């Protein structure tokens, strides 16, 4: 996500970012404009099988907090 924000800041395009990022990743040279009429969409969160369990537990908690609701996780 940081890479996307940096590229937008360099003038290399636009990015439809999740709204909570505005507060989490402020950028002085990027203008955040709410898009209120866009259709909702799903994002996937993935991690390697060998990732430490405590980190995955924290990642899942953070994703749920940002999403604002509890979502079912599907193992691939």
Foldseek 3Di string as FASTA:
>chain_A
DVVQVVCVLVVNDDDDDQPVVCVVPPDPSDDDDDDDPDDDDDDDDDDDPPDDPVVVVVVQVVVCVSVVHDDDDDDD
